[in-house]
Structures are given as C-alpha cells and as structure tokens.
Amino acid sequence: MDWFSAPVLIALTTLTLMEIVLGIDNIIFISILVGRLPEADRARTRNIGIGLALLIRVLLLFSISWIMTLQEDLFVLLGQGVSGRDLILLGGGLFLVAKSTMEIHHKVEGDPQHALPGAKKGVPVNAKMMLFQILILDIVFSLDSVITAVGMANQVPVMVVAMVLSMIVMLLSAGAINGFVEKHPTIKILALSFLLLIGVMLVAEGMGAHIGKGYIYFAMFFSLTVELLNMRYRGKLAK
C-alpha cells in the first residue's frame, strides 16, 4: 500500500477528521466524570480513559469479522430483529441517559445523595469506579466509531493510523476542554444535555430507529454557538 498516494491520503485525512468529531462526545463525558475526582487524580484518570478508548478501538478493528456478526439478528422481538449491536447501543444509551440525568440533578440541586453509581454519601468518588464507568461508555462509543471507520475505509492500517492520530488530538485537547467545561457552569449543563441527547439517540438506534448523526451534531454546534455568544455578551456587561 502506497501511503503517499492520493486515495490513501484522502481516506486517512477524512477518517481522522471523522474520528475526531466522533470522539468529542467521549472527551466531554470523560471530562465531566473526572471533574468529580480530587484534582490530583483528574489528569491521570482522563489520560487512562482516553488510552482505553484507543486500545478498545484498535482491538475492535482487528476483530472486524466479529464486529460484522454483531449486526446480524440474534432474535426477533415484536416483529423487529434484534442484533448484538442493538443490545450494546441500547444498554449504553440507557446508561448514558441515566448518568447524564444524575449529573444534571447533582449539578443543579447539589444533592450529595445523587452521586456516582456505587458511591455512598460522604465517601469520596473512587477513581477505579470512575474508570469502570468510562470503560463502559468507551466500549459503546468505540463500537460506533469502528463501524463508521469500516464503512469509510477498506484498509485496516489506514483505520488504525487515523484512530491513533485522532486520539493524539484528543489527548492534547482534553485538558483544555476539561478546564473550559469546569470553568463555565452553563457549558457543563449544556454538555450534559448533549450527552443526554446522544444517549436518547443510542437508545433509538438500539430499538431499530435510525437518526442521522449530522442532525445531532448540528444541534450541538448551534446550541454551543448561541451559548458562546451569551457568554461574550455577559462578559461585556460585566465590564
């Protein structure tokens, strides 16, 4: 394979950009979760979470034949075929909806009883429990990412390089994204709302409905743009 040929370079560039876009929700989720940890543990846990996402993606890429079997129907429910991929998306979507709802409630109400799953009142959030939750969503996001990659490129090496490049971008930008989200409470609520929307989309896809991701990402971009304008306006009023 000629890495410097036009078709390979175009496929690599397109796929890398696509993986970066698909990884945004993953970064947001990880950033919000690690914000509940002691400051000394945040960067290390965030980097481990992103590293796990890359490892899962690469492992799934080298199991493409198995990935394809996940799209085959396991059984029929109410006249609708249900595949392994549907079950994973449904479970991950429900988890993301529940997690986002709990985090929004915690952020708005400040009720310590609405902590992370497995955490008790008055007990600091455990980094291992946090990594377990990150791992669950990494698997769901990685499955979607790999299926998209398979549809866009035929060469496994190109897909692996694209994912490595996108993860490097994620690692370099995760700290800035985390700091920005933590600094602006309204952005954090907006990000949690995005995750809630993505969770609903995953549940819908797991139940057989198809929702174009372009609509979701456009809504996210539009809402973020409006909020950034609001922040700029509030900043001018404060001056």
C-alpha atoms as a PDB file:
ATOM      1  CA  MET A   1       0.000   0.000   0.000  1.00  0.00           C
ATOM      2  CA  ASP A   2       1.366   3.402  -1.041  1.00  0.00           C
ATOM      3  CA  TRP A   3       0.805   5.728   1.927  1.00  0.00           C
ATOM      4  CA  PHE A   4       1.516   8.807  -0.198  1.00  0.00           C
ATOM      5  CA  SER A   5      -0.977   8.012  -2.934  1.00  0.00           C
ATOM      6  CA  ALA A   6      -3.923  10.390  -3.251  1.00  0.00           C
ATOM      7  CA  PRO A   7      -6.670   7.827  -2.395  1.00  0.00           C
ATOM      8  CA  VAL A   8      -4.886   6.709   0.797  1.00  0.00           C
ATOM      9  CA  LEU A   9      -4.145  10.280   1.939  1.00  0.00           C
ATOM     10  CA  ILE A  10      -7.742  11.355   1.276  1.00  0.00           C
ATOM     11  CA  ALA A  11      -9.129   8.346   3.148  1.00  0.00           C
ATOM     12  CA  LEU A  12      -6.711   8.901   6.051  1.00  0.00           C
ATOM     13  CA  THR A  13      -7.483  12.623   6.349  1.00  0.00           C
ATOM     14  CA  THR A  14     -11.252  12.154   6.069  1.00  0.00           C
ATOM     15  CA  LEU A  15     -11.332   9.295   8.538  1.00  0.00           C
ATOM     16  CA  THR A  16      -9.099  11.129  11.041  1.00  0.00           C
ATOM     17  CA  LEU A  17     -11.364  14.189  10.965  1.00  0.00           C
ATOM     18  CA  MET A  18     -14.426  11.957  11.337  1.00  0.00           C
ATOM     19  CA  GLU A  19     -12.884  10.141  14.319  1.00  0.00           C
ATOM     20  CA  ILE A  20     -12.064  13.474  15.968  1.00  0.00           C
ATOM     21  CA  VAL A  21     -15.690  14.588  15.579  1.00  0.00           C
ATOM     22  CA  LEU A  22     -16.993  11.260  16.897  1.00  0.00           C
ATOM     23  CA  GLY A  23     -14.554  11.491  19.813  1.00  0.00           C
ATOM     24  CA  ILE A  24     -15.840  14.862  21.037  1.00  0.00           C
ATOM     25  CA  ASP A  25     -18.707  13.326  23.000  1.00  0.00           C
ATOM     26  CA  ASN A  26     -16.266  10.828  24.502  1.00  0.00           C
ATOM     27  CA  ILE A  27     -13.963  13.622  25.670  1.00  0.00           C
ATOM     28  CA  ILE A  28     -16.885  15.592  27.129  1.00  0.00           C
ATOM     29  CA  PHE A  29     -18.131  12.554  29.043  1.00  0.00           C
ATOM     30  CA  ILE A  30     -14.673  11.742  30.421  1.00  0.00           C
ATOM     31  CA  SER A  31     -14.015  15.403  31.324  1.00  0.00           C
ATOM     32  CA  ILE A  32     -17.267  15.698  33.255  1.00  0.00           C
ATOM     33  CA  LEU A  33     -16.679  12.429  35.103  1.00  0.00           C
ATOM     34  CA  VAL A  34     -13.110  13.193  36.162  1.00  0.00           C
ATOM     35  CA  GLY A  35     -14.297  16.591  37.415  1.00  0.00           C
ATOM     36  CA  ARG A  36     -15.756  14.711  40.385  1.00  0.00           C
ATOM     37  CA  LEU A  37     -12.327  13.312  41.335  1.00  0.00           C
ATOM     38  CA  PRO A  38      -9.690  15.005  43.507  1.00  0.00           C
ATOM     39  CA  GLU A  39      -7.686  17.421  41.372  1.00  0.00           C
ATOM     40  CA  ALA A  40      -4.514  15.352  41.715  1.00  0.00           C
ATOM     41  CA  ASP A  41      -6.193  12.337  40.070  1.00  0.00           C
ATOM     42  CA  ARG A  42      -8.024  14.083  37.233  1.00  0.00           C
ATOM     43  CA  ALA A  43      -5.358  14.311  34.518  1.00  0.00           C
ATOM     44  CA  ARG A  44      -4.089  10.760  35.077  1.00  0.00           C
ATOM     45  CA  THR A  45      -7.598   9.257  35.076  1.00  0.00           C
ATOM     46  CA  ARG A  46      -8.574  11.277  31.990  1.00  0.00           C
ATOM     47  CA  ASN A  47      -5.496  10.104  30.070  1.00  0.00           C
ATOM     48  CA  ILE A  48      -6.085   6.490  31.108  1.00  0.00           C
ATOM     49  CA  GLY A  49      -9.700   6.757  29.922  1.00  0.00           C
ATOM     50  CA  ILE A  50      -8.636   8.105  26.517  1.00  0.00           C
ATOM     51  CA  GLY A  51      -5.933   5.443  26.284  1.00  0.00           C
ATOM     52  CA  LEU A  52      -8.505   2.743  26.990  1.00  0.00           C
ATOM     53  CA  ALA A  53     -10.708   4.182  24.231  1.00  0.00           C
ATOM     54  CA  LEU A  54      -7.829   3.877  21.739  1.00  0.00           C
ATOM     55  CA  LEU A  55      -6.984   0.331  22.876  1.00  0.00           C
ATOM     56  CA  ILE A  56     -10.618  -0.785  22.530  1.00  0.00           C
ATOM     57  CA  ARG A  57     -10.907   0.773  19.062  1.00  0.00           C
ATOM     58  CA  VAL A  58      -7.739  -0.936  17.805  1.00  0.00           C
ATOM     59  CA  LEU A  59      -8.784  -4.302  19.258  1.00  0.00           C
ATOM     60  CA  LEU A  60     -12.196  -3.978  17.615  1.00  0.00           C
ATOM     61  CA  LEU A  61     -10.586  -3.086  14.291  1.00  0.00           C
ATOM     62  CA  PHE A  62      -8.607  -6.323  14.353  1.00  0.00           C
ATOM     63  CA  SER A  63     -11.857  -8.173  15.092  1.00  0.00           C
ATOM     64  CA  ILE A  64     -13.788  -6.828  12.098  1.00  0.00           C
ATOM     65  CA  SER A  65     -15.260 -10.234  11.261  1.00  0.00           C
ATOM     66  CA  TRP A  66     -16.682 -10.428  14.790  1.00  0.00           C
ATOM     67  CA  ILE A  67     -17.925  -6.829  14.549  1.00  0.00           C
ATOM     68  CA  MET A  68     -19.841  -7.738  11.401  1.00  0.00           C
ATOM     69  CA  THR A  69     -21.555 -10.649  13.203  1.00  0.00           C
ATOM     70  CA  LEU A  70     -22.824  -8.166  15.808  1.00  0.00           C
ATOM     71  CA  GLN A  71     -25.026  -6.673  13.103  1.00  0.00           C
ATOM     72  CA  GLU A  72     -26.763  -9.995  12.472  1.00  0.00           C
ATOM     73  CA  ASP A  73     -30.114 -10.570  14.192  1.00  0.00           C
ATOM     74  CA  LEU A  74     -29.965 -12.687  17.345  1.00  0.00           C
ATOM     75  CA  PHE A  75     -33.725 -12.892  17.813  1.00  0.00           C
ATOM     76  CA  VAL A  76     -36.957 -11.207  16.755  1.00  0.00           C
ATOM     77  CA  LEU A  77     -38.977  -9.099  19.186  1.00  0.00           C
ATOM     78  CA  LEU A  78     -42.382  -7.710  18.192  1.00  0.00           C
ATOM     79  CA  GLY A  79     -41.545  -8.269  14.543  1.00  0.00           C
ATOM     80  CA  GLN A  80     -38.251  -6.368  14.867  1.00  0.00           C
ATOM     81  CA  GLY A  81     -34.882  -8.131  14.554  1.00  0.00           C
ATOM     82  CA  VAL A  82     -32.521  -7.506  17.475  1.00  0.00           C
ATOM     83  CA  SER A  83     -28.749  -7.806  16.951  1.00  0.00           C
ATOM     84  CA  GLY A  84     -25.813  -7.773  19.334  1.00  0.00           C
ATOM     85  CA  ARG A  85     -25.019  -4.231  18.228  1.00  0.00           C
ATOM     86  CA  ASP A  86     -28.590  -3.171  19.068  1.00  0.00           C
ATOM     87  CA  LEU A  87     -28.256  -4.591  22.587  1.00  0.00           C
ATOM     88  CA  ILE A  88     -24.919  -2.832  23.160  1.00  0.00           C
ATOM     89  CA  LEU A  89     -26.272   0.506  21.886  1.00  0.00           C
ATOM     90  CA  LEU A  90     -29.455   0.128  23.919  1.00  0.00           C
ATOM     91  CA  GLY A  91     -27.589  -0.697  27.132  1.00  0.00           C
ATOM     92  CA  GLY A  92     -25.028   2.057  26.586  1.00  0.00           C
ATOM     93  CA  GLY A  93     -27.700   4.585  25.693  1.00  0.00           C
ATOM     94  CA  LEU A  94     -29.731   3.816  28.820  1.00  0.00           C
ATOM     95  CA  PHE A  95     -26.580   4.095  30.934  1.00  0.00           C
ATOM     96  CA  LEU A  96     -25.713   7.447  29.344  1.00  0.00           C
ATOM     97  CA  VAL A  97     -29.260   8.793  29.819  1.00  0.00           C
ATOM     98  CA  ALA A  98     -29.275   7.737  33.483  1.00  0.00           C
ATOM     99  CA  LYS A  99     -25.739   9.068  34.105  1.00  0.00           C
ATOM    100  CA  SER A 100     -26.394  12.410  32.400  1.00  0.00           C
ATOM    101  CA  THR A 101     -29.668  12.859  34.295  1.00  0.00           C
ATOM    102  CA  MET A 102     -27.966  12.131  37.620  1.00  0.00           C
ATOM    103  CA  GLU A 103     -25.117  14.529  36.850  1.00  0.00           C
ATOM    104  CA  ILE A 104     -27.526  17.310  35.817  1.00  0.00           C
ATOM    105  CA  HIS A 105     -29.504  16.771  39.041  1.00  0.00           C
ATOM    106  CA  HIS A 106     -26.306  16.828  41.085  1.00  0.00           C
ATOM    107  CA  LYS A 107     -25.100  19.991  39.345  1.00  0.00           C
ATOM    108  CA  VAL A 108     -28.418  21.851  39.700  1.00  0.00           C
ATOM    109  CA  GLU A 109     -29.625  20.579  43.090  1.00  0.00           C
ATOM    110  CA  GLY A 110     -26.265  19.807  44.681  1.00  0.00           C
ATOM    111  CA  ASP A 111     -27.726  16.757  46.424  1.00  0.00           C
ATOM    112  CA  PRO A 112     -24.821  14.551  47.626  1.00  0.00           C
ATOM    113  CA  GLN A 113     -27.094  11.501  47.619  1.00  0.00           C
ATOM    114  CA  HIS A 114     -27.157  11.651  43.826  1.00  0.00           C
ATOM    115  CA  ALA A 115     -23.531  10.647  43.468  1.00  0.00           C
ATOM    116  CA  LEU A 116     -21.970   8.218  41.082  1.00  0.00           C
ATOM    117  CA  PRO A 117     -23.283   4.639  40.987  1.00  0.00           C
ATOM    118  CA  GLY A 118     -21.690   2.696  43.811  1.00  0.00           C
ATOM    119  CA  ALA A 119     -20.639   5.794  45.747  1.00  0.00           C
ATOM    120  CA  LYS A 120     -22.013   6.357  49.227  1.00  0.00           C
ATOM    121  CA  LYS A 121     -22.942   9.613  50.861  1.00  0.00           C
ATOM    122  CA  GLY A 122     -19.935  11.360  52.324  1.00  0.00           C
ATOM    123  CA  VAL A 123     -17.474   8.967  50.656  1.00  0.00           C
ATOM    124  CA  PRO A 124     -15.100  10.458  48.036  1.00  0.00           C
ATOM    125  CA  VAL A 125     -15.567   9.297  44.463  1.00  0.00           C
ATOM    126  CA  ASN A 126     -13.335   6.301  43.712  1.00  0.00           C
ATOM    127  CA  ALA A 127     -11.017   6.535  40.694  1.00  0.00           C
ATOM    128  CA  LYS A 128     -11.427   2.807  39.934  1.00  0.00           C
ATOM    129  CA  MET A 129     -15.226   3.133  39.883  1.00  0.00           C
ATOM    130  CA  MET A 130     -14.813   6.150  37.621  1.00  0.00           C
ATOM    131  CA  LEU A 131     -12.587   4.207  35.218  1.00  0.00           C
ATOM    132  CA  PHE A 132     -15.132   1.380  35.126  1.00  0.00           C
ATOM    133  CA  GLN A 133     -17.839   3.814  34.025  1.00  0.00           C
ATOM    134  CA  ILE A 134     -15.511   5.374  31.458  1.00  0.00           C
ATOM    135  CA  LEU A 135     -14.724   1.879  30.154  1.00  0.00           C
ATOM    136  CA  ILE A 136     -18.433   1.092  29.652  1.00  0.00           C
ATOM    137  CA  LEU A 137     -19.000   4.191  27.542  1.00  0.00           C
ATOM    138  CA  ASP A 138     -15.670   3.732  25.740  1.00  0.00           C
ATOM    139  CA  ILE A 139     -16.934   0.367  24.502  1.00  0.00           C
ATOM    140  CA  VAL A 140     -20.202   1.876  23.242  1.00  0.00           C
ATOM    141  CA  PHE A 141     -18.565   4.882  21.558  1.00  0.00           C
ATOM    142  CA  SER A 142     -15.770   2.695  20.145  1.00  0.00           C
ATOM    143  CA  LEU A 143     -18.222   0.267  18.563  1.00  0.00           C
ATOM    144  CA  ASP A 144     -19.959   3.122  16.746  1.00  0.00           C
ATOM    145  CA  SER A 145     -16.612   4.623  15.747  1.00  0.00           C
ATOM    146  CA  VAL A 146     -15.228   1.364  14.355  1.00  0.00           C
ATOM    147  CA  ILE A 147     -18.373   0.598  12.340  1.00  0.00           C
ATOM    148  CA  THR A 148     -18.130   4.106  10.840  1.00  0.00           C
ATOM    149  CA  ALA A 149     -14.443   3.563  10.055  1.00  0.00           C
ATOM    150  CA  VAL A 150     -15.122   0.238   8.333  1.00  0.00           C
ATOM    151  CA  GLY A 151     -17.711   1.945   6.144  1.00  0.00           C
ATOM    152  CA  MET A 152     -15.268   4.684   5.112  1.00  0.00           C
ATOM    153  CA  ALA A 153     -12.033   2.770   4.515  1.00  0.00           C
ATOM    154  CA  ASN A 154     -11.086  -0.721   3.401  1.00  0.00           C
ATOM    155  CA  GLN A 155      -7.523  -0.880   4.740  1.00  0.00           C
ATOM    156  CA  VAL A 156      -7.111  -1.745   8.418  1.00  0.00           C
ATOM    157  CA  PRO A 157      -3.705   0.052   8.677  1.00  0.00           C
ATOM    158  CA  VAL A 158      -5.331   3.289   7.471  1.00  0.00           C
ATOM    159  CA  MET A 159      -8.086   2.935  10.073  1.00  0.00           C
ATOM    160  CA  VAL A 160      -5.562   2.247  12.858  1.00  0.00           C
ATOM    161  CA  VAL A 161      -3.391   5.260  11.938  1.00  0.00           C
ATOM    162  CA  ALA A 162      -6.481   7.503  11.712  1.00  0.00           C
ATOM    163  CA  MET A 163      -7.630   6.421  15.179  1.00  0.00           C
ATOM    164  CA  VAL A 164      -4.162   6.921  16.676  1.00  0.00           C
ATOM    165  CA  LEU A 165      -3.967  10.429  15.181  1.00  0.00           C
ATOM    166  CA  SER A 166      -7.454  11.290  16.449  1.00  0.00           C
ATOM    167  CA  MET A 167      -6.562  10.032  19.937  1.00  0.00           C
ATOM    168  CA  ILE A 168      -3.398  12.168  19.956  1.00  0.00           C
ATOM    169  CA  VAL A 169      -5.580  15.189  19.168  1.00  0.00           C
ATOM    170  CA  MET A 170      -7.957  14.119  21.970  1.00  0.00           C
ATOM    171  CA  LEU A 171      -5.106  13.796  24.478  1.00  0.00           C
ATOM    172  CA  LEU A 172      -3.719  17.216  23.553  1.00  0.00           C
ATOM    173  CA  SER A 173      -7.108  18.933  23.727  1.00  0.00           C
ATOM    174  CA  ALA A 174      -8.704  17.059  26.654  1.00  0.00           C
ATOM    175  CA  GLY A 175      -7.079  19.248  29.314  1.00  0.00           C
ATOM    176  CA  ALA A 176      -8.235  22.474  27.672  1.00  0.00           C
ATOM    177  CA  ILE A 177     -11.757  21.107  27.148  1.00  0.00           C
ATOM    178  CA  ASN A 178     -11.910  19.903  30.757  1.00  0.00           C
ATOM    179  CA  GLY A 179     -10.750  23.275  32.088  1.00  0.00           C
ATOM    180  CA  PHE A 180     -13.210  25.180  29.911  1.00  0.00           C
ATOM    181  CA  VAL A 181     -16.143  22.971  30.922  1.00  0.00           C
ATOM    182  CA  GLU A 182     -15.280  23.201  34.628  1.00  0.00           C
ATOM    183  CA  LYS A 183     -14.790  26.981  34.456  1.00  0.00           C
ATOM    184  CA  HIS A 184     -18.193  27.677  32.884  1.00  0.00           C
ATOM    185  CA  PRO A 185     -21.162  26.002  34.676  1.00  0.00           C
ATOM    186  CA  THR A 186     -23.580  26.761  31.828  1.00  0.00           C
ATOM    187  CA  ILE A 187     -21.290  24.982  29.362  1.00  0.00           C
ATOM    188  CA  LYS A 188     -21.203  21.985  31.695  1.00  0.00           C
ATOM    189  CA  ILE A 189     -25.021  21.817  31.795  1.00  0.00           C
ATOM    190  CA  LEU A 190     -25.087  22.185  28.009  1.00  0.00           C
ATOM    191  CA  ALA A 191     -22.517  19.389  27.639  1.00  0.00           C
ATOM    192  CA  LEU A 192     -24.550  17.127  29.912  1.00  0.00           C
ATOM    193  CA  SER A 193     -27.623  17.915  27.821  1.00  0.00           C
ATOM    194  CA  PHE A 194     -25.661  16.902  24.711  1.00  0.00           C
ATOM    195  CA  LEU A 195     -24.754  13.599  26.360  1.00  0.00           C
ATOM    196  CA  LEU A 196     -28.388  13.069  27.303  1.00  0.00           C
ATOM    197  CA  LEU A 197     -29.354  13.685  23.664  1.00  0.00           C
ATOM    198  CA  ILE A 198     -26.708  11.247  22.445  1.00  0.00           C
ATOM    199  CA  GLY A 199     -27.971   8.673  24.964  1.00  0.00           C
ATOM    200  CA  VAL A 200     -31.505   9.013  23.586  1.00  0.00           C
ATOM    201  CA  MET A 201     -30.126   8.623  20.064  1.00  0.00           C
ATOM    202  CA  LEU A 202     -28.283   5.422  21.058  1.00  0.00           C
ATOM    203  CA  VAL A 203     -31.457   4.027  22.638  1.00  0.00           C
ATOM    204  CA  ALA A 204     -33.421   4.860  19.472  1.00  0.00           C
ATOM    205  CA  GLU A 205     -30.800   3.170  17.267  1.00  0.00           C
ATOM    206  CA  GLY A 206     -30.773   0.164  19.579  1.00  0.00           C
ATOM    207  CA  MET A 207     -34.544  -0.102  19.054  1.00  0.00           C
ATOM    208  CA  GLY A 208     -34.205  -0.036  15.281  1.00  0.00           C
ATOM    209  CA  ALA A 209     -34.754   3.643  14.503  1.00  0.00           C
ATOM    210  CA  HIS A 210     -32.096   5.482  12.518  1.00  0.00           C
ATOM    211  CA  ILE A 211     -31.293   9.090  13.380  1.00  0.00           C
ATOM    212  CA  GLY A 212     -28.778  10.929  11.236  1.00  0.00           C
ATOM    213  CA  LYS A 213     -25.826  11.984  13.390  1.00  0.00           C
ATOM    214  CA  GLY A 214     -25.497  15.125  11.309  1.00  0.00           C
ATOM    215  CA  TYR A 215     -28.704  16.467  12.866  1.00  0.00           C
ATOM    216  CA  ILE A 216     -27.401  15.764  16.375  1.00  0.00           C
ATOM    217  CA  TYR A 217     -24.018  17.391  15.812  1.00  0.00           C
ATOM    218  CA  PHE A 218     -25.599  20.389  14.082  1.00  0.00           C
ATOM    219  CA  ALA A 219     -27.909  20.909  17.079  1.00  0.00           C
ATOM    220  CA  MET A 220     -24.904  20.646  19.414  1.00  0.00           C
ATOM    221  CA  PHE A 221     -22.869  23.115  17.354  1.00  0.00           C
ATOM    222  CA  PHE A 222     -25.778  25.587  17.107  1.00  0.00           C
ATOM    223  CA  SER A 223     -26.502  25.437  20.857  1.00  0.00           C
ATOM    224  CA  LEU A 224     -22.808  25.835  21.694  1.00  0.00           C
ATOM    225  CA  THR A 225     -22.501  28.834  19.364  1.00  0.00           C
ATOM    226  CA  VAL A 226     -25.512  30.536  21.000  1.00  0.00           C
ATOM    227  CA  GLU A 227     -24.100  29.899  24.479  1.00  0.00           C
ATOM    228  CA  LEU A 228     -20.669  31.273  23.500  1.00  0.00           C
ATOM    229  CA  LEU A 229     -22.384  34.434  22.215  1.00  0.00           C
ATOM    230  CA  ASN A 230     -24.270  34.669  25.521  1.00  0.00           C
ATOM    231  CA  MET A 231     -21.003  34.305  27.434  1.00  0.00           C
ATOM    232  CA  ARG A 232     -19.415  37.065  25.372  1.00  0.00           C
ATOM    233  CA  TYR A 233     -22.437  39.304  25.969  1.00  0.00           C
ATOM    234  CA  ARG A 234     -22.375  38.668  29.723  1.00  0.00           C
ATOM    235  CA  GLY A 235     -18.660  39.415  29.727  1.00  0.00           C
ATOM    236  CA  LYS A 236     -19.261  42.804  28.109  1.00  0.00           C
ATOM    237  CA  LEU A 237     -21.996  43.623  30.619  1.00  0.00           C
ATOM    238  CA  ALA A 238     -19.692  42.716  33.496  1.00  0.00           C
ATOM    239  CA  LYS A 239     -17.076  45.169  32.196  1.00  0.00           C
END
